[in-house]
Amino acid sequence: MLLKFTNNFIKQEIYGHNEYLMQGCELMSQYAEFVEITRKYALLYDDREEAMNAAIDYCIAHGILEDILRKHRSQILGSLLEDFDEKKYARTLREEGWEAGLQAGRESGREEGIRIGRESGLQDGRKEMAEAIARQLNLSVEEVLKMGEDSKL
């Protein structure tokens, strides 16, 4: 059984801040210590996987969650690497932001294209209609357009 708490909870509520809780539950105390060790090792190594493996090795060697770490090492390591992969997290945020921006740009472009298309279509339609009326009435297109403007009043 693997207990999982957020780093904020461990930092604020357990590790070094709640002696009563630490004394009352050995497993909780070891888990808090494990979290603190993984944080320290993460700062010491450039490579996250190497850091987490070293932290796990240290904890096993010092009897910190030893049985759990031996039984579930690969699962715990995978979880730690996923939890601590800040670069992947930042990249994912950027990609999601890029996708959202791209989608918003497409939608805005479509709306603008529709608006321009309608305006252009109306202008073309008015011009074609004015030309047809001008031919029928033997008037200039300008005269027909002027009559159309006057009739709107």
N, C-alpha and C. Protein backbone atom coordinates (compact mmCIF):
# COMPACT_ATOMS: atom_id res chain seq x y z
N MET A 1 0.85 -1.17 0.00
CA MET A 1 0.00 0.00 0.00
C MET A 1 0.89 1.24 0.00
N LEU A 2 0.63 2.12 -0.93
CA LEU A 2 1.43 3.32 -1.04
C LEU A 2 0.56 4.52 -0.72
N LEU A 3 0.98 5.29 0.26
CA LEU A 3 0.25 6.50 0.62
C LEU A 3 0.77 7.64 -0.23
N LYS A 4 -0.13 8.45 -0.72
CA LYS A 4 0.29 9.55 -1.56
C LYS A 4 -0.34 10.84 -1.06
N PHE A 5 0.47 11.81 -0.75
CA PHE A 5 0.01 13.12 -0.29
C PHE A 5 0.64 14.16 -1.19
N THR A 6 0.02 15.28 -1.32
CA THR A 6 0.63 16.35 -2.12
C THR A 6 1.84 16.89 -1.37
N ASN A 7 2.77 17.40 -2.11
CA ASN A 7 3.97 17.95 -1.51
C ASN A 7 3.63 19.10 -0.57
N ASN A 8 2.65 19.91 -0.91
CA ASN A 8 2.27 21.02 -0.04
C ASN A 8 1.77 20.51 1.31
N PHE A 9 0.97 19.47 1.30
CA PHE A 9 0.45 18.93 2.55
C PHE A 9 1.59 18.41 3.41
N ILE A 10 2.47 17.65 2.79
CA ILE A 10 3.60 17.10 3.53
C ILE A 10 4.43 18.24 4.12
N LYS A 11 4.74 19.22 3.29
CA LYS A 11 5.60 20.31 3.73
C LYS A 11 4.95 21.11 4.86
N GLN A 12 3.68 21.42 4.72
CA GLN A 12 3.03 22.30 5.68
C GLN A 12 2.51 21.56 6.91
N GLU A 13 1.97 20.39 6.72
CA GLU A 13 1.26 19.75 7.81
C GLU A 13 2.05 18.64 8.51
N ILE A 14 3.01 18.05 7.82
CA ILE A 14 3.62 16.87 8.41
C ILE A 14 5.10 17.05 8.70
N TYR A 15 5.91 17.18 7.69
CA TYR A 15 7.35 17.11 7.90
C TYR A 15 7.84 18.25 8.78
N GLY A 16 8.20 17.90 9.98
CA GLY A 16 8.77 18.86 10.91
C GLY A 16 7.79 19.82 11.54
N HIS A 17 6.50 19.74 11.22
CA HIS A 17 5.54 20.71 11.74
C HIS A 17 4.50 20.09 12.68
N ASN A 18 4.40 18.79 12.66
CA ASN A 18 3.38 18.17 13.49
C ASN A 18 3.99 16.95 14.20
N GLU A 19 4.69 17.22 15.25
CA GLU A 19 5.38 16.16 15.99
C GLU A 19 4.41 15.09 16.51
N TYR A 20 3.25 15.51 16.95
CA TYR A 20 2.25 14.58 17.47
C TYR A 20 1.88 13.56 16.40
N LEU A 21 1.64 14.04 15.19
CA LEU A 21 1.28 13.15 14.09
C LEU A 21 2.46 12.25 13.73
N MET A 22 3.65 12.79 13.73
CA MET A 22 4.85 12.02 13.41
C MET A 22 5.07 10.89 14.41
N GLN A 23 4.88 11.18 15.68
CA GLN A 23 5.08 10.16 16.71
C GLN A 23 3.98 9.12 16.70
N GLY A 24 2.81 9.52 16.27
CA GLY A 24 1.66 8.60 16.30
C GLY A 24 1.63 7.63 15.15
N CYS A 25 2.33 7.91 14.08
CA CYS A 25 2.27 7.04 12.91
C CYS A 25 3.66 6.93 12.28
N GLU A 26 4.30 5.82 12.51
CA GLU A 26 5.66 5.60 12.00
C GLU A 26 5.69 5.64 10.47
N LEU A 27 4.70 5.05 9.83
CA LEU A 27 4.64 5.04 8.37
C LEU A 27 4.53 6.46 7.82
N MET A 28 3.72 7.27 8.46
CA MET A 28 3.57 8.67 8.05
C MET A 28 4.89 9.42 8.22
N SER A 29 5.54 9.17 9.32
CA SER A 29 6.82 9.82 9.58
C SER A 29 7.85 9.43 8.52
N GLN A 30 7.90 8.15 8.19
CA GLN A 30 8.83 7.69 7.17
C GLN A 30 8.49 8.27 5.80
N TYR A 31 7.21 8.36 5.52
CA TYR A 31 6.80 8.92 4.24
C TYR A 31 7.22 10.39 4.14
N ALA A 32 7.01 11.14 5.20
CA ALA A 32 7.41 12.54 5.22
C ALA A 32 8.92 12.67 5.02
N GLU A 33 9.66 11.78 5.65
CA GLU A 33 11.11 11.80 5.50
C GLU A 33 11.49 11.45 4.06
N PHE A 34 10.81 10.47 3.50
CA PHE A 34 11.05 10.08 2.10
C PHE A 34 10.82 11.26 1.15
N VAL A 35 9.73 11.97 1.36
CA VAL A 35 9.43 13.13 0.51
C VAL A 35 10.54 14.18 0.64
N GLU A 36 10.96 14.44 1.84
CA GLU A 36 12.03 15.42 2.06
C GLU A 36 13.33 14.97 1.38
N ILE A 37 13.64 13.70 1.46
CA ILE A 37 14.86 13.17 0.84
C ILE A 37 14.77 13.29 -0.68
N THR A 38 13.61 12.97 -1.26
CA THR A 38 13.49 13.09 -2.72
C THR A 38 13.64 14.54 -3.16
N ARG A 39 13.14 15.46 -2.37
CA ARG A 39 13.31 16.89 -2.70
C ARG A 39 14.79 17.27 -2.70
N LYS A 40 15.50 16.84 -1.67
CA LYS A 40 16.93 17.17 -1.57
C LYS A 40 17.72 16.56 -2.72
N TYR A 41 17.44 15.31 -3.04
CA TYR A 41 18.16 14.65 -4.13
C TYR A 41 17.82 15.30 -5.47
N ALA A 42 16.60 15.76 -5.63
CA ALA A 42 16.21 16.43 -6.87
C ALA A 42 17.04 17.69 -7.10
N LEU A 43 17.45 18.34 -6.01
CA LEU A 43 18.28 19.54 -6.12
C LEU A 43 19.74 19.21 -6.40
N LEU A 44 20.16 18.03 -5.99
CA LEU A 44 21.57 17.64 -6.13
C LEU A 44 21.92 17.12 -7.52
N TYR A 45 20.94 16.59 -8.24
CA TYR A 45 21.20 15.96 -9.53
C TYR A 45 20.54 16.75 -10.66
N ASP A 46 21.19 16.73 -11.81
CA ASP A 46 20.59 17.35 -12.99
C ASP A 46 19.53 16.44 -13.60
N ASP A 47 19.76 15.14 -13.52
CA ASP A 47 18.85 14.16 -14.12
C ASP A 47 17.84 13.68 -13.07
N ARG A 48 16.56 13.87 -13.32
CA ARG A 48 15.51 13.51 -12.35
C ARG A 48 15.50 12.02 -12.04
N GLU A 49 15.60 11.21 -13.06
CA GLU A 49 15.55 9.77 -12.83
C GLU A 49 16.72 9.32 -11.96
N GLU A 50 17.88 9.82 -12.23
CA GLU A 50 19.06 9.50 -11.42
C GLU A 50 18.86 9.96 -9.99
N ALA A 51 18.31 11.15 -9.82
CA ALA A 51 18.07 11.70 -8.48
C ALA A 51 17.08 10.84 -7.70
N MET A 52 15.98 10.45 -8.35
CA MET A 52 14.96 9.67 -7.65
C MET A 52 15.45 8.26 -7.34
N ASN A 53 16.23 7.68 -8.24
CA ASN A 53 16.83 6.37 -7.96
C ASN A 53 17.78 6.45 -6.77
N ALA A 54 18.59 7.49 -6.72
CA ALA A 54 19.52 7.67 -5.60
C ALA A 54 18.76 7.89 -4.30
N ALA A 55 17.68 8.64 -4.35
CA ALA A 55 16.87 8.87 -3.15
C ALA A 55 16.24 7.57 -2.66
N ILE A 56 15.73 6.79 -3.59
CA ILE A 56 15.14 5.49 -3.21
C ILE A 56 16.22 4.58 -2.62
N ASP A 57 17.38 4.52 -3.24
CA ASP A 57 18.48 3.70 -2.72
C ASP A 57 18.85 4.14 -1.30
N TYR A 58 18.95 5.44 -1.09
CA TYR A 58 19.29 5.97 0.24
C TYR A 58 18.24 5.53 1.26
N CYS A 59 16.99 5.68 0.91
CA CYS A 59 15.91 5.34 1.85
C CYS A 59 15.91 3.86 2.18
N ILE A 60 16.11 3.03 1.18
CA ILE A 60 16.16 1.58 1.42
C ILE A 60 17.33 1.26 2.35
N ALA A 61 18.48 1.83 2.07
CA ALA A 61 19.69 1.59 2.88
C ALA A 61 19.52 2.06 4.31
N HIS A 62 18.67 3.07 4.54
CA HIS A 62 18.47 3.62 5.88
C HIS A 62 17.15 3.20 6.52
N GLY A 63 16.49 2.21 5.93
CA GLY A 63 15.27 1.66 6.53
C GLY A 63 14.06 2.58 6.45
N ILE A 64 14.05 3.50 5.53
CA ILE A 64 12.92 4.42 5.37
C ILE A 64 12.00 3.85 4.29
N LEU A 65 10.83 3.41 4.69
CA LEU A 65 9.86 2.78 3.78
C LEU A 65 10.49 1.63 3.00
N GLU A 66 11.41 0.95 3.64
CA GLU A 66 12.22 -0.06 2.97
C GLU A 66 11.38 -1.13 2.27
N ASP A 67 10.43 -1.75 2.98
CA ASP A 67 9.63 -2.82 2.37
C ASP A 67 8.81 -2.32 1.19
N ILE A 68 8.19 -1.18 1.36
CA ILE A 68 7.36 -0.61 0.29
C ILE A 68 8.21 -0.26 -0.92
N LEU A 69 9.35 0.35 -0.68
CA LEU A 69 10.22 0.76 -1.79
C LEU A 69 10.79 -0.45 -2.53
N ARG A 70 11.11 -1.50 -1.80
CA ARG A 70 11.62 -2.72 -2.46
C ARG A 70 10.53 -3.38 -3.31
N LYS A 71 9.32 -3.47 -2.78
CA LYS A 71 8.22 -4.14 -3.49
C LYS A 71 7.71 -3.33 -4.68
N HIS A 72 7.64 -2.04 -4.52
CA HIS A 72 6.97 -1.20 -5.52
C HIS A 72 7.89 -0.15 -6.14
N ARG A 73 9.16 -0.46 -6.18
CA ARG A 73 10.15 0.52 -6.64
C ARG A 73 9.81 1.12 -8.00
N SER A 74 9.54 0.27 -8.99
CA SER A 74 9.31 0.80 -10.34
C SER A 74 8.06 1.67 -10.40
N GLN A 75 7.00 1.30 -9.68
CA GLN A 75 5.78 2.11 -9.67
C GLN A 75 6.04 3.46 -8.99
N ILE A 76 6.74 3.41 -7.88
CA ILE A 76 7.04 4.64 -7.13
C ILE A 76 7.95 5.54 -7.96
N LEU A 77 8.96 4.94 -8.59
CA LEU A 77 9.87 5.72 -9.42
C LEU A 77 9.10 6.38 -10.56
N GLY A 78 8.23 5.63 -11.21
CA GLY A 78 7.42 6.20 -12.29
C GLY A 78 6.57 7.36 -11.81
N SER A 79 5.98 7.20 -10.65
CA SER A 79 5.15 8.25 -10.08
C SER A 79 5.99 9.48 -9.74
N LEU A 80 7.15 9.26 -9.16
CA LEU A 80 8.04 10.38 -8.82
C LEU A 80 8.51 11.13 -10.07
N LEU A 81 8.85 10.37 -11.09
CA LEU A 81 9.31 11.02 -12.32
C LEU A 81 8.20 11.81 -12.97
N GLU A 82 7.01 11.28 -12.94
CA GLU A 82 5.87 12.01 -13.51
C GLU A 82 5.55 13.23 -12.66
N ASP A 83 5.54 13.06 -11.35
CA ASP A 83 5.23 14.17 -10.45
C ASP A 83 6.26 15.29 -10.53
N PHE A 84 7.53 14.93 -10.70
CA PHE A 84 8.59 15.91 -10.63
C PHE A 84 9.01 16.46 -11.99
N ASP A 85 8.42 16.00 -13.08
CA ASP A 85 8.87 16.42 -14.39
C ASP A 85 8.34 17.82 -14.71
N GLU A 86 9.00 18.82 -14.15
CA GLU A 86 8.58 20.21 -14.32
C GLU A 86 8.71 20.66 -15.76
N LYS A 87 9.76 20.20 -16.45
CA LYS A 87 9.95 20.59 -17.85
C LYS A 87 8.80 20.07 -18.70
N LYS A 88 8.40 18.82 -18.45
CA LYS A 88 7.27 18.25 -19.20
C LYS A 88 6.00 19.02 -18.88
N TYR A 89 5.83 19.36 -17.61
CA TYR A 89 4.65 20.11 -17.20
C TYR A 89 4.61 21.48 -17.88
N ALA A 90 5.74 22.18 -17.89
CA ALA A 90 5.81 23.49 -18.53
C ALA A 90 5.57 23.36 -20.03
N ARG A 91 6.16 22.32 -20.62
CA ARG A 91 5.97 22.09 -22.06
C ARG A 91 4.51 21.81 -22.36
N THR A 92 3.87 21.01 -21.53
CA THR A 92 2.45 20.70 -21.72
C THR A 92 1.60 21.95 -21.61
N LEU A 93 1.91 22.80 -20.63
CA LEU A 93 1.17 24.06 -20.50
C LEU A 93 1.34 24.93 -21.74
N ARG A 94 2.57 25.01 -22.23
CA ARG A 94 2.81 25.81 -23.43
C ARG A 94 2.05 25.24 -24.62
N GLU A 95 2.08 23.91 -24.77
CA GLU A 95 1.38 23.28 -25.89
C GLU A 95 -0.12 23.50 -25.80
N GLU A 96 -0.66 23.36 -24.60
CA GLU A 96 -2.09 23.60 -24.42
C GLU A 96 -2.44 25.05 -24.70
N GLY A 97 -1.59 25.96 -24.24
CA GLY A 97 -1.81 27.38 -24.50
C GLY A 97 -1.72 27.69 -25.98
N TRP A 98 -0.74 27.06 -26.65
CA TRP A 98 -0.58 27.25 -28.08
C TRP A 98 -1.83 26.75 -28.81
N GLU A 99 -2.29 25.55 -28.44
CA GLU A 99 -3.48 24.98 -29.08
C GLU A 99 -4.70 25.86 -28.85
N ALA A 100 -4.87 26.35 -27.61
CA ALA A 100 -6.01 27.22 -27.31
C ALA A 100 -5.92 28.50 -28.12
N GLY A 101 -4.73 29.08 -28.21
CA GLY A 101 -4.53 30.29 -28.99
C GLY A 101 -4.78 30.06 -30.47
N LEU A 102 -4.30 28.93 -30.96
CA LEU A 102 -4.51 28.58 -32.36
C LEU A 102 -6.00 28.42 -32.65
N GLN A 103 -6.69 27.72 -31.77
CA GLN A 103 -8.13 27.53 -31.93
C GLN A 103 -8.87 28.86 -31.90
N ALA A 104 -8.51 29.72 -30.95
CA ALA A 104 -9.15 31.04 -30.86
C ALA A 104 -8.86 31.84 -32.13
N GLY A 105 -7.63 31.75 -32.63
CA GLY A 105 -7.27 32.45 -33.86
C GLY A 105 -8.06 31.95 -35.05
N ARG A 106 -8.23 30.63 -35.12
CA ARG A 106 -9.02 30.05 -36.22
C ARG A 106 -10.47 30.54 -36.15
N GLU A 107 -11.03 30.51 -34.95
CA GLU A 107 -12.42 30.95 -34.79
C GLU A 107 -12.56 32.42 -35.15
N SER A 108 -11.64 33.23 -34.69
CA SER A 108 -11.66 34.66 -35.00
C SER A 108 -11.50 34.87 -36.50
N GLY A 109 -10.61 34.11 -37.11
CA GLY A 109 -10.39 34.20 -38.56
C GLY A 109 -11.62 33.81 -39.35
N ARG A 110 -12.28 32.73 -38.90
CA ARG A 110 -13.51 32.31 -39.56
C ARG A 110 -14.57 33.41 -39.48
N GLU A 111 -14.74 33.94 -38.27
CA GLU A 111 -15.74 35.00 -38.08
C GLU A 111 -15.42 36.21 -38.96
N GLU A 112 -14.16 36.60 -38.99
CA GLU A 112 -13.75 37.74 -39.81
C GLU A 112 -13.96 37.42 -41.29
N GLY A 113 -13.61 36.22 -41.69
CA GLY A 113 -13.80 35.81 -43.09
C GLY A 113 -15.27 35.81 -43.49
N ILE A 114 -16.12 35.33 -42.60
CA ILE A 114 -17.56 35.33 -42.87
C ILE A 114 -18.06 36.76 -43.00
N ARG A 115 -17.64 37.62 -42.09
CA ARG A 115 -18.06 39.03 -42.13
C ARG A 115 -17.62 39.69 -43.42
N ILE A 116 -16.35 39.51 -43.77
CA ILE A 116 -15.82 40.12 -45.00
C ILE A 116 -16.53 39.53 -46.22
N GLY A 117 -16.75 38.23 -46.19
CA GLY A 117 -17.44 37.58 -47.30
C GLY A 117 -18.86 38.10 -47.49
N ARG A 118 -19.55 38.29 -46.39
CA ARG A 118 -20.91 38.84 -46.48
C ARG A 118 -20.90 40.25 -47.04
N GLU A 119 -19.99 41.08 -46.49
CA GLU A 119 -19.91 42.46 -46.98
C GLU A 119 -19.57 42.50 -48.46
N SER A 120 -18.59 41.70 -48.84
CA SER A 120 -18.18 41.65 -50.24
C SER A 120 -19.32 41.13 -51.11
N GLY A 121 -20.00 40.09 -50.64
CA GLY A 121 -21.12 39.53 -51.38
C GLY A 121 -22.25 40.53 -51.54
N LEU A 122 -22.53 41.27 -50.48
CA LEU A 122 -23.58 42.30 -50.57
C LEU A 122 -23.19 43.39 -51.56
N GLN A 123 -21.93 43.83 -51.49
CA GLN A 123 -21.46 44.86 -52.43
C GLN A 123 -21.53 44.37 -53.87
N ASP A 124 -21.05 43.12 -54.07
CA ASP A 124 -21.09 42.55 -55.42
C ASP A 124 -22.53 42.39 -55.90
N GLY A 125 -23.39 41.94 -54.99
CA GLY A 125 -24.80 41.76 -55.34
C GLY A 125 -25.48 43.07 -55.68
N ARG A 126 -25.18 44.10 -54.90
CA ARG A 126 -25.75 45.43 -55.18
C ARG A 126 -25.27 45.94 -56.55
N LYS A 127 -23.98 45.74 -56.78
CA LYS A 127 -23.42 46.22 -58.05
C LYS A 127 -24.05 45.48 -59.22
N GLU A 128 -24.15 44.14 -59.11
CA GLU A 128 -24.76 43.36 -60.19
C GLU A 128 -26.23 43.74 -60.40
N MET A 129 -26.94 43.96 -59.28
CA MET A 129 -28.34 44.35 -59.37
C MET A 129 -28.46 45.73 -60.03
N ALA A 130 -27.59 46.65 -59.62
CA ALA A 130 -27.61 47.99 -60.20
C ALA A 130 -27.31 47.94 -61.69
N GLU A 131 -26.36 47.09 -62.10
CA GLU A 131 -26.03 46.95 -63.52
C GLU A 131 -27.21 46.39 -64.30
N ALA A 132 -27.88 45.40 -63.74
CA ALA A 132 -29.04 44.80 -64.42
C ALA A 132 -30.17 45.83 -64.56
N ILE A 133 -30.45 46.58 -63.51
CA ILE A 133 -31.50 47.61 -63.55
C ILE A 133 -31.12 48.70 -64.55
N ALA A 134 -29.84 49.10 -64.53
CA ALA A 134 -29.38 50.14 -65.45
C ALA A 134 -29.58 49.71 -66.90
N ARG A 135 -29.30 48.47 -67.24
CA ARG A 135 -29.50 47.97 -68.61
C ARG A 135 -30.98 48.00 -68.98
N GLN A 136 -31.84 47.57 -68.02
CA GLN A 136 -33.27 47.50 -68.30
C GLN A 136 -33.87 48.90 -68.49
N LEU A 137 -33.38 49.86 -67.71
CA LEU A 137 -33.97 51.20 -67.75
C LEU A 137 -33.15 52.19 -68.60
N ASN A 138 -32.12 51.69 -69.22
CA ASN A 138 -31.23 52.54 -70.02
C ASN A 138 -30.71 53.72 -69.20
N LEU A 139 -30.24 53.42 -67.98
CA LEU A 139 -29.64 54.42 -67.10
C LEU A 139 -28.20 54.00 -66.82
N SER A 140 -27.44 54.94 -66.25
CA SER A 140 -26.09 54.58 -65.81
C SER A 140 -26.18 53.87 -64.45
N VAL A 141 -25.18 53.09 -64.15
CA VAL A 141 -25.12 52.38 -62.86
C VAL A 141 -25.12 53.40 -61.72
N GLU A 142 -24.43 54.52 -61.92
CA GLU A 142 -24.38 55.55 -60.89
C GLU A 142 -25.77 56.13 -60.60
N GLU A 143 -26.57 56.31 -61.67
CA GLU A 143 -27.94 56.84 -61.49
C GLU A 143 -28.78 55.85 -60.68
N VAL A 144 -28.64 54.59 -61.00
CA VAL A 144 -29.41 53.56 -60.29
C VAL A 144 -28.99 53.51 -58.82
N LEU A 145 -27.69 53.56 -58.58
CA LEU A 145 -27.20 53.54 -57.19
C LEU A 145 -27.69 54.76 -56.44
N LYS A 146 -27.70 55.93 -57.10
CA LYS A 146 -28.18 57.16 -56.46
C LYS A 146 -29.66 57.03 -56.14
N MET A 147 -30.44 56.47 -57.04
CA MET A 147 -31.88 56.27 -56.78
C MET A 147 -32.07 55.31 -55.58
N GLY A 148 -31.20 54.29 -55.51
CA GLY A 148 -31.28 53.36 -54.38
C GLY A 148 -30.98 54.04 -53.06
N GLU A 149 -29.98 54.90 -53.04
CA GLU A 149 -29.64 55.65 -51.82
C GLU A 149 -30.76 56.59 -51.43
N ASP A 150 -31.35 57.28 -52.42
CA ASP A 150 -32.44 58.21 -52.14
C ASP A 150 -33.67 57.50 -51.60
N SER A 151 -33.90 56.27 -52.08
CA SER A 151 -35.11 55.55 -51.65
C SER A 151 -34.99 55.00 -50.22
N LYS A 152 -33.77 54.92 -49.70
CA LYS A 152 -33.58 54.43 -48.31
C LYS A 152 -34.01 55.46 -47.30
N LEU A 153 -34.08 56.73 -47.68
CA LEU A 153 -34.45 57.79 -46.76
C LEU A 153 -35.87 57.74 -46.48
